[in-house]
Protein backbone atom coordinates (compact mmCIF):
# COMPACT_ATOMS: atom_id res chain seq x y z
CA MET A 1 9.90 18.62 33.70
CA LYS A 2 8.15 21.27 32.49
CA GLY A 3 4.97 20.05 30.28
CA SER A 4 3.63 16.14 30.10
CA ILE A 5 2.91 16.17 26.88
CA LYS A 6 5.95 13.80 25.13
CA PRO A 7 7.02 14.59 21.72
CA LEU A 8 6.62 12.42 18.95
CA SER A 9 9.24 10.66 17.38
CA ILE A 10 10.65 11.40 13.35
CA LYS A 11 8.96 7.70 12.94
CA GLN A 12 5.63 8.21 14.39
CA ILE A 13 5.68 12.03 12.47
CA ALA A 14 6.51 10.64 9.26
CA GLN A 15 3.58 7.81 10.12
CA GLN A 16 1.32 10.18 10.64
CA ARG A 17 2.14 11.57 7.55
CA ILE A 18 1.92 9.13 5.52
CA ASP A 19 -1.25 8.24 6.53
CA THR A 20 -2.42 11.74 5.53
CA LEU A 21 -1.33 11.65 1.85
CA PHE A 22 -2.55 8.27 1.38
CA THR A 23 -5.53 9.14 2.78
CA GLN A 24 -5.46 12.36 0.14
CA ALA A 25 -4.68 10.40 -2.57
CA GLU A 26 -7.60 8.17 -2.56
CA THR A 27 -10.23 10.84 -2.52
CA ILE A 28 -8.48 12.85 -5.30
CA ASN A 29 -7.63 10.18 -6.76
CA LYS A 30 -11.09 10.35 -9.30
CA THR A 31 -10.95 13.73 -10.63
CA ASN A 32 -7.18 14.67 -10.35
CA PRO A 33 -4.92 11.44 -10.49
CA ARG A 34 -2.02 13.17 -11.25
CA LEU A 35 -2.50 15.04 -8.23
CA ALA A 36 -2.53 11.54 -6.50
CA THR A 37 0.21 9.93 -8.15
CA GLN A 38 1.98 13.33 -6.61
CA TYR A 39 1.12 12.37 -2.75
CA LEU A 40 2.47 8.99 -3.30
CA LYS A 41 5.70 9.92 -4.23
CA ASN A 42 5.67 13.31 -1.62
CA ALA A 43 4.62 9.53 0.98
CA GLN A 44 7.69 7.85 -0.71
CA LYS A 45 9.65 10.00 0.10
CA VAL A 46 9.11 10.60 3.67
CA ALA A 47 9.37 6.69 4.04
CA MET A 48 12.85 7.17 2.78
CA SER A 49 13.67 10.17 4.66
CA ALA A 50 12.58 8.37 8.03
CA ARG A 51 14.01 5.12 7.18
CA LEU A 52 10.33 3.99 7.82
CA PRO A 53 9.20 0.73 5.62
CA LEU A 54 6.38 1.73 3.78
CA PRO A 55 3.54 -0.27 5.00
CA THR A 56 2.11 -3.34 2.82
CA LYS A 57 -1.19 -1.85 2.71
CA TYR A 58 -0.07 1.01 0.86
CA LYS A 59 2.53 -0.84 -0.95
CA ARG A 60 0.09 -2.78 -2.73
CA ARG A 61 -1.87 0.11 -4.02
CA ILE A 62 0.20 1.78 -5.92
CA CYS A 63 1.64 0.63 -8.83
CA LYS A 64 5.35 -0.40 -8.56
CA HIS A 65 5.83 0.56 -12.83
CA CYS A 66 3.60 4.02 -12.97
CA ASN A 67 3.41 4.85 -9.91
CA THR A 68 -0.44 5.07 -10.03
CA LEU A 69 -2.62 4.38 -7.29
CA LEU A 70 -4.59 1.31 -7.36
CA THR A 71 -8.55 1.43 -6.91
CA ALA A 72 -10.58 -1.86 -7.80
CA GLY A 73 -12.69 -1.42 -10.79
CA TYR A 74 -10.95 2.10 -11.52
CA ASN A 75 -7.81 1.83 -12.93
CA CYS A 76 -7.19 -1.95 -12.27
CA ARG A 77 -8.10 -5.88 -12.07
CA ILE A 78 -8.16 -7.86 -9.37
CA ARG A 79 -8.61 -11.76 -10.07
CA ILE A 80 -7.36 -15.01 -8.01
CA GLN A 81 -5.26 -17.57 -10.37
CA GLN A 82 -5.39 -21.20 -9.19
CA LYS A 83 -2.37 -22.36 -11.66
CA ARG A 84 0.79 -23.66 -9.59
CA GLU A 85 0.70 -21.56 -6.13
CA PRO A 86 -2.71 -19.88 -5.68
CA HIS A 87 -2.16 -16.36 -6.06
CA ILE A 88 -3.71 -12.94 -6.71
CA VAL A 89 -3.07 -11.24 -9.73
CA VAL A 90 -4.07 -7.14 -9.53
CA THR A 91 -3.41 -6.23 -13.03
CA CYS A 92 -3.31 -2.23 -13.59
CA LEU A 93 -4.94 -0.80 -16.56
CA ASN A 94 -2.68 2.63 -16.88
CA CYS A 95 0.10 0.06 -18.12
CA GLY A 96 -0.55 -3.25 -18.11
CA TYR A 97 1.84 -3.81 -14.71
CA HIS A 98 1.03 -7.77 -13.18
CA LEU A 99 0.83 -7.48 -9.08
CA ARG A 100 0.95 -10.98 -8.19
CA ILE A 101 -0.11 -11.44 -4.45
CA PRO A 102 0.79 -15.08 -3.10
CA ILE A 103 -2.28 -16.44 -1.19
CA ARG A 104 -0.49 -18.61 1.97
CA LYS A 105 -2.22 -21.29 3.44
CA LYS A 106 -1.80 -21.23 7.22
CA LYS A 107 0.65 -23.76 8.76
CA GLY A 108 -0.58 -26.80 11.86
CA GLY A 109 -3.63 -26.64 10.89
CA ASN A 110 -6.24 -28.88 12.39
CA THR A 111 -3.97 -31.36 14.37
CA LYS A 112 -5.87 -33.42 17.20
CA ASN A 113 -3.06 -34.02 20.41
CA GLU A 114 -4.37 -37.12 22.19
């Protein structure tokens, strides 16, 4: 073996690229939202081309209707609803889209074994 450096796989390179695109989109979102949206679209294309699912921490930060980066207090509103099942409602203030995230209770609570 010539070198001890292990080459990165395509999925690892794609994941690094997605991470950098999201950090760039977060830093530039308030000054230039169009460029931030373009970064998000590029991150989605990188994930699709590498056949890599976009992580949920990033997926929940994108409005599915207008593809903008959701920043709490700036262009989205976050509320907790207790009706039916408890869930979090994220409302995009640009297009009015509602993203609902269920709050699941932990299974197997405090049971004592005797």
